[in-house]
Amino acid sequence: MSKGLSLWFAVSSVVLMIATAVSISHYAWLAVLLAVVTLANIGFGFVVKARMGRRQSGNSTN
């Protein structure tokens, strides 16, 4: 995964976690929604990393 894409996932995940923490004291439903979105963002980052790694390792063997 490129450094820019890694930075994007890291920063967006931290921003979503901060938004989740702030929303806990205001709206419970919003906190739950943001927590789900945060987990999905982190999971999607791992999926992208795995797919890019598989694609790079597949090209090096040919």
PDB file of N, CA and C in Angstrom:
ATOM      1  N   MET A   1       0.857  -1.165   0.000  1.00  0.00           N
ATOM      2  CA  MET A   1       0.000   0.000   0.000  1.00  0.00           C
ATOM      3  C   MET A   1       0.907   1.233   0.000  1.00  0.00           C
ATOM      4  N   SER A   2       0.518   2.216  -0.770  1.00  0.00           N
ATOM      5  CA  SER A   2       1.325   3.424  -0.849  1.00  0.00           C
ATOM      6  C   SER A   2       1.249   4.212   0.463  1.00  0.00           C
ATOM      7  N   LYS A   3       2.236   5.065   0.665  1.00  0.00           N
ATOM      8  CA  LYS A   3       2.276   5.858   1.897  1.00  0.00           C
ATOM      9  C   LYS A   3       1.097   6.817   1.979  1.00  0.00           C
ATOM     10  N   GLY A   4       0.714   7.382   0.849  1.00  0.00           N
ATOM     11  CA  GLY A   4      -0.420   8.311   0.831  1.00  0.00           C
ATOM     12  C   GLY A   4      -1.728   7.637   1.215  1.00  0.00           C
ATOM     13  N   LEU A   5      -1.937   6.440   0.681  1.00  0.00           N
ATOM     14  CA  LEU A   5      -3.157   5.695   0.996  1.00  0.00           C
ATOM     15  C   LEU A   5      -3.159   5.243   2.460  1.00  0.00           C
ATOM     16  N   SER A   6      -2.007   4.838   2.954  1.00  0.00           N
ATOM     17  CA  SER A   6      -1.896   4.468   4.368  1.00  0.00           C
ATOM     18  C   SER A   6      -2.192   5.664   5.268  1.00  0.00           C
ATOM     19  N   LEU A   7      -1.654   6.812   4.894  1.00  0.00           N
ATOM     20  CA  LEU A   7      -1.906   8.032   5.662  1.00  0.00           C
ATOM     21  C   LEU A   7      -3.381   8.387   5.645  1.00  0.00           C
ATOM     22  N   TRP A   8      -4.024   8.220   4.487  1.00  0.00           N
ATOM     23  CA  TRP A   8      -5.450   8.528   4.377  1.00  0.00           C
ATOM     24  C   TRP A   8      -6.266   7.659   5.342  1.00  0.00           C
ATOM     25  N   PHE A   9      -6.013   6.353   5.342  1.00  0.00           N
ATOM     26  CA  PHE A   9      -6.761   5.468   6.224  1.00  0.00           C
ATOM     27  C   PHE A   9      -6.470   5.768   7.690  1.00  0.00           C
ATOM     28  N   ALA A  10      -5.237   6.090   8.018  1.00  0.00           N
ATOM     29  CA  ALA A  10      -4.891   6.396   9.404  1.00  0.00           C
ATOM     30  C   ALA A  10      -5.578   7.673   9.876  1.00  0.00           C
ATOM     31  N   VAL A  11      -5.491   8.716   9.081  1.00  0.00           N
ATOM     32  CA  VAL A  11      -6.079  10.000   9.476  1.00  0.00           C
ATOM     33  C   VAL A  11      -7.605   9.917   9.516  1.00  0.00           C
ATOM     34  N   SER A  12      -8.200   9.284   8.512  1.00  0.00           N
ATOM     35  CA  SER A  12      -9.663   9.187   8.506  1.00  0.00           C
ATOM     36  C   SER A  12     -10.164   8.344   9.684  1.00  0.00           C
ATOM     37  N   SER A  13      -9.429   7.308  10.049  1.00  0.00           N
ATOM     38  CA  SER A  13      -9.832   6.492  11.197  1.00  0.00           C
ATOM     39  C   SER A  13      -9.731   7.278  12.502  1.00  0.00           C
ATOM     40  N   VAL A  14      -8.672   8.054  12.654  1.00  0.00           N
ATOM     41  CA  VAL A  14      -8.522   8.857  13.872  1.00  0.00           C
ATOM     42  C   VAL A  14      -9.614   9.914  13.956  1.00  0.00           C
ATOM     43  N   VAL A  15      -9.923  10.553  12.842  1.00  0.00           N
ATOM     44  CA  VAL A  15     -10.991  11.569  12.831  1.00  0.00           C
ATOM     45  C   VAL A  15     -12.332  10.932  13.189  1.00  0.00           C
ATOM     46  N   LEU A  16     -12.601   9.755  12.640  1.00  0.00           N
ATOM     47  CA  LEU A  16     -13.853   9.067  12.973  1.00  0.00           C
ATOM     48  C   LEU A  16     -13.891   8.648  14.440  1.00  0.00           C
ATOM     49  N   MET A  17     -12.760   8.219  14.995  1.00  0.00           N
ATOM     50  CA  MET A  17     -12.718   7.854  16.414  1.00  0.00           C
ATOM     51  C   MET A  17     -12.941   9.070  17.312  1.00  0.00           C
ATOM     52  N   ILE A  18     -12.375  10.194  16.935  1.00  0.00           N
ATOM     53  CA  ILE A  18     -12.590  11.429  17.705  1.00  0.00           C
ATOM     54  C   ILE A  18     -14.050  11.839  17.629  1.00  0.00           C
ATOM     55  N   ALA A  19     -14.638  11.754  16.445  1.00  0.00           N
ATOM     56  CA  ALA A  19     -16.056  12.097  16.297  1.00  0.00           C
ATOM     57  C   ALA A  19     -16.932  11.162  17.125  1.00  0.00           C
ATOM     58  N   THR A  20     -16.568   9.885  17.183  1.00  0.00           N
ATOM     59  CA  THR A  20     -17.310   8.932  18.000  1.00  0.00           C
ATOM     60  C   THR A  20     -17.209   9.301  19.476  1.00  0.00           C
ATOM     61  N   ALA A  21     -16.021   9.638  19.924  1.00  0.00           N
ATOM     62  CA  ALA A  21     -15.822   9.998  21.330  1.00  0.00           C
ATOM     63  C   ALA A  21     -16.607  11.246  21.708  1.00  0.00           C
ATOM     64  N   VAL A  22     -16.619  12.225  20.829  1.00  0.00           N
ATOM     65  CA  VAL A  22     -17.352  13.465  21.115  1.00  0.00           C
ATOM     66  C   VAL A  22     -18.852  13.211  21.122  1.00  0.00           C
ATOM     67  N   SER A  23     -19.327  12.369  20.208  1.00  0.00           N
ATOM     68  CA  SER A  23     -20.766  12.143  20.098  1.00  0.00           C
ATOM     69  C   SER A  23     -21.324  11.269  21.217  1.00  0.00           C
ATOM     70  N   ILE A  24     -20.468  10.584  21.962  1.00  0.00           N
ATOM     71  CA  ILE A  24     -20.957   9.713  23.041  1.00  0.00           C
ATOM     72  C   ILE A  24     -21.764  10.512  24.059  1.00  0.00           C
ATOM     73  N   SER A  25     -21.313  11.704  24.373  1.00  0.00           N
ATOM     74  CA  SER A  25     -22.007  12.484  25.395  1.00  0.00           C
ATOM     75  C   SER A  25     -23.240  13.209  24.859  1.00  0.00           C
ATOM     76  N   HIS A  26     -23.416  13.240  23.556  1.00  0.00           N
ATOM     77  CA  HIS A  26     -24.552  13.968  22.992  1.00  0.00           C
ATOM     78  C   HIS A  26     -25.673  13.046  22.512  1.00  0.00           C
ATOM     79  N   TYR A  27     -25.352  12.156  21.588  1.00  0.00           N
ATOM     80  CA  TYR A  27     -26.363  11.277  21.008  1.00  0.00           C
ATOM     81  C   TYR A  27     -25.821   9.849  20.944  1.00  0.00           C
ATOM     82  N   ALA A  28     -26.500   8.954  21.635  1.00  0.00           N
ATOM     83  CA  ALA A  28     -26.047   7.563  21.666  1.00  0.00           C
ATOM     84  C   ALA A  28     -26.154   6.916  20.292  1.00  0.00           C
ATOM     85  N   TRP A  29     -27.230   7.194  19.565  1.00  0.00           N
ATOM     86  CA  TRP A  29     -27.418   6.579  18.256  1.00  0.00           C
ATOM     87  C   TRP A  29     -26.344   7.038  17.273  1.00  0.00           C
ATOM     88  N   LEU A  30     -25.939   8.294  17.377  1.00  0.00           N
ATOM     89  CA  LEU A  30     -24.883   8.809  16.506  1.00  0.00           C
ATOM     90  C   LEU A  30     -23.540   8.181  16.865  1.00  0.00           C
ATOM     91  N   ALA A  31     -23.306   7.965  18.152  1.00  0.00           N
ATOM     92  CA  ALA A  31     -22.066   7.327  18.585  1.00  0.00           C
ATOM     93  C   ALA A  31     -21.984   5.896  18.059  1.00  0.00           C
ATOM     94  N   VAL A  32     -23.090   5.174  18.105  1.00  0.00           N
ATOM     95  CA  VAL A  32     -23.113   3.802  17.594  1.00  0.00           C
ATOM     96  C   VAL A  32     -22.887   3.801  16.087  1.00  0.00           C
ATOM     97  N   LEU A  33     -23.544   4.710  15.385  1.00  0.00           N
ATOM     98  CA  LEU A  33     -23.384   4.804  13.940  1.00  0.00           C
ATOM     99  C   LEU A  33     -21.931   5.127  13.569  1.00  0.00           C
ATOM    100  N   LEU A  34     -21.341   6.089  14.251  1.00  0.00           N
ATOM    101  CA  LEU A  34     -19.951   6.457  13.971  1.00  0.00           C
ATOM    102  C   LEU A  34     -18.985   5.334  14.330  1.00  0.00           C
ATOM    103  N   ALA A  35     -19.283   4.585  15.376  1.00  0.00           N
ATOM    104  CA  ALA A  35     -18.437   3.452  15.741  1.00  0.00           C
ATOM    105  C   ALA A  35     -18.466   2.382  14.646  1.00  0.00           C
ATOM    106  N   VAL A  36     -19.636   2.130  14.098  1.00  0.00           N
ATOM    107  CA  VAL A  36     -19.756   1.152  13.011  1.00  0.00           C
ATOM    108  C   VAL A  36     -19.004   1.646  11.771  1.00  0.00           C
ATOM    109  N   VAL A  37     -19.150   2.916  11.454  1.00  0.00           N
ATOM    110  CA  VAL A  37     -18.443   3.482  10.300  1.00  0.00           C
ATOM    111  C   VAL A  37     -16.930   3.439  10.523  1.00  0.00           C
ATOM    112  N   THR A  38     -16.494   3.707  11.742  1.00  0.00           N
ATOM    113  CA  THR A  38     -15.065   3.647  12.053  1.00  0.00           C
ATOM    114  C   THR A  38     -14.521   2.239  11.864  1.00  0.00           C
ATOM    115  N   LEU A  39     -15.220   1.249  12.384  1.00  0.00           N
ATOM    116  CA  LEU A  39     -14.786  -0.142  12.222  1.00  0.00           C
ATOM    117  C   LEU A  39     -14.787  -0.561  10.754  1.00  0.00           C
ATOM    118  N   ALA A  40     -15.787  -0.108  10.000  1.00  0.00           N
ATOM    119  CA  ALA A  40     -15.837  -0.416   8.571  1.00  0.00           C
ATOM    120  C   ALA A  40     -14.662   0.228   7.841  1.00  0.00           C
ATOM    121  N   ASN A  41     -14.317   1.446   8.209  1.00  0.00           N
ATOM    122  CA  ASN A  41     -13.186   2.135   7.581  1.00  0.00           C
ATOM    123  C   ASN A  41     -11.870   1.406   7.870  1.00  0.00           C
ATOM    124  N   ILE A  42     -11.678   1.002   9.111  1.00  0.00           N
ATOM    125  CA  ILE A  42     -10.462   0.270   9.472  1.00  0.00           C
ATOM    126  C   ILE A  42     -10.415  -1.077   8.743  1.00  0.00           C
ATOM    127  N   GLY A  43     -11.526  -1.775   8.727  1.00  0.00           N
ATOM    128  CA  GLY A  43     -11.596  -3.057   8.021  1.00  0.00           C
ATOM    129  C   GLY A  43     -11.346  -2.912   6.534  1.00  0.00           C
ATOM    130  N   PHE A  44     -11.899  -1.864   5.936  1.00  0.00           N
ATOM    131  CA  PHE A  44     -11.692  -1.629   4.512  1.00  0.00           C
ATOM    132  C   PHE A  44     -10.224  -1.333   4.220  1.00  0.00           C
ATOM    133  N   GLY A  45      -9.564  -0.649   5.140  1.00  0.00           N
ATOM    134  CA  GLY A  45      -8.134  -0.397   4.979  1.00  0.00           C
ATOM    135  C   GLY A  45      -7.340  -1.691   4.946  1.00  0.00           C
ATOM    136  N   PHE A  46      -7.680  -2.641   5.815  1.00  0.00           N
ATOM    137  CA  PHE A  46      -7.001  -3.934   5.810  1.00  0.00           C
ATOM    138  C   PHE A  46      -7.297  -4.716   4.532  1.00  0.00           C
ATOM    139  N   VAL A  47      -8.533  -4.620   4.035  1.00  0.00           N
ATOM    140  CA  VAL A  47      -8.893  -5.308   2.795  1.00  0.00           C
ATOM    141  C   VAL A  47      -8.096  -4.743   1.625  1.00  0.00           C
ATOM    142  N   VAL A  48      -8.011  -3.430   1.536  1.00  0.00           N
ATOM    143  CA  VAL A  48      -7.253  -2.791   0.457  1.00  0.00           C
ATOM    144  C   VAL A  48      -5.784  -3.186   0.538  1.00  0.00           C
ATOM    145  N   LYS A  49      -5.228  -3.192   1.744  1.00  0.00           N
ATOM    146  CA  LYS A  49      -3.820  -3.573   1.926  1.00  0.00           C
ATOM    147  C   LYS A  49      -3.583  -5.009   1.478  1.00  0.00           C
ATOM    148  N   ALA A  50      -4.485  -5.912   1.846  1.00  0.00           N
ATOM    149  CA  ALA A  50      -4.329  -7.316   1.469  1.00  0.00           C
ATOM    150  C   ALA A  50      -4.449  -7.508  -0.038  1.00  0.00           C
ATOM    151  N   ARG A  51      -5.397  -6.836  -0.654  1.00  0.00           N
ATOM    152  CA  ARG A  51      -5.571  -6.973  -2.100  1.00  0.00           C
ATOM    153  C   ARG A  51      -4.383  -6.407  -2.860  1.00  0.00           C
ATOM    154  N   MET A  52      -3.872  -5.276  -2.411  1.00  0.00           N
ATOM    155  CA  MET A  52      -2.714  -4.683  -3.077  1.00  0.00           C
ATOM    156  C   MET A  52      -1.474  -5.553  -2.870  1.00  0.00           C
ATOM    157  N   GLY A  53      -1.342  -6.156  -1.697  1.00  0.00           N
ATOM    158  CA  GLY A  53      -0.222  -7.047  -1.443  1.00  0.00           C
ATOM    159  C   GLY A  53      -0.279  -8.297  -2.289  1.00  0.00           C
ATOM    160  N   ARG A  54      -1.475  -8.857  -2.436  1.00  0.00           N
ATOM    161  CA  ARG A  54      -1.643 -10.050  -3.273  1.00  0.00           C
ATOM    162  C   ARG A  54      -1.360  -9.729  -4.732  1.00  0.00           C
ATOM    163  N   ARG A  55      -1.803  -8.573  -5.167  1.00  0.00           N
ATOM    164  CA  ARG A  55      -1.595  -8.172  -6.553  1.00  0.00           C
ATOM    165  C   ARG A  55      -0.102  -7.981  -6.842  1.00  0.00           C
ATOM    166  N   GLN A  56       0.634  -7.377  -5.886  1.00  0.00           N
ATOM    167  CA  GLN A  56       2.062  -7.156  -6.073  1.00  0.00           C
ATOM    168  C   GLN A  56       2.837  -8.468  -6.022  1.00  0.00           C
ATOM    169  N   SER A  57       2.460  -9.355  -5.116  1.00  0.00           N
ATOM    170  CA  SER A  57       3.181 -10.632  -5.026  1.00  0.00           C
ATOM    171  C   SER A  57       2.864 -11.518  -6.224  1.00  0.00           C
ATOM    172  N   GLY A  58       1.687 -11.407  -6.776  1.00  0.00           N
ATOM    173  CA  GLY A  58       1.335 -12.180  -7.972  1.00  0.00           C
ATOM    174  C   GLY A  58       2.096 -11.718  -9.184  1.00  0.00           C
ATOM    175  N   ASN A  59       2.352 -10.422  -9.294  1.00  0.00           N
ATOM    176  CA  ASN A  59       3.083  -9.906 -10.439  1.00  0.00           C
ATOM    177  C   ASN A  59       4.563 -10.224 -10.372  1.00  0.00           C
ATOM    178  N   SER A  60       5.130 -10.367  -9.185  1.00  0.00           N
ATOM    179  CA  SER A  60       6.561 -10.607  -9.066  1.00  0.00           C
ATOM    180  C   SER A  60       6.936 -12.045  -9.410  1.00  0.00           C
ATOM    181  N   THR A  61       5.983 -12.989  -9.351  1.00  0.00           N
ATOM    182  CA  THR A  61       6.291 -14.378  -9.646  1.00  0.00           C
ATOM    183  C   THR A  61       6.230 -14.667 -11.137  1.00  0.00           C
ATOM    184  N   ASN A  62       5.606 -13.801 -11.909  1.00  0.00           N
ATOM    185  CA  ASN A  62       5.478 -14.031 -13.354  1.00  0.00           C
ATOM    186  C   ASN A  62       6.657 -13.530 -14.116  1.00  0.00           C
TER     187      ASN A  62
END
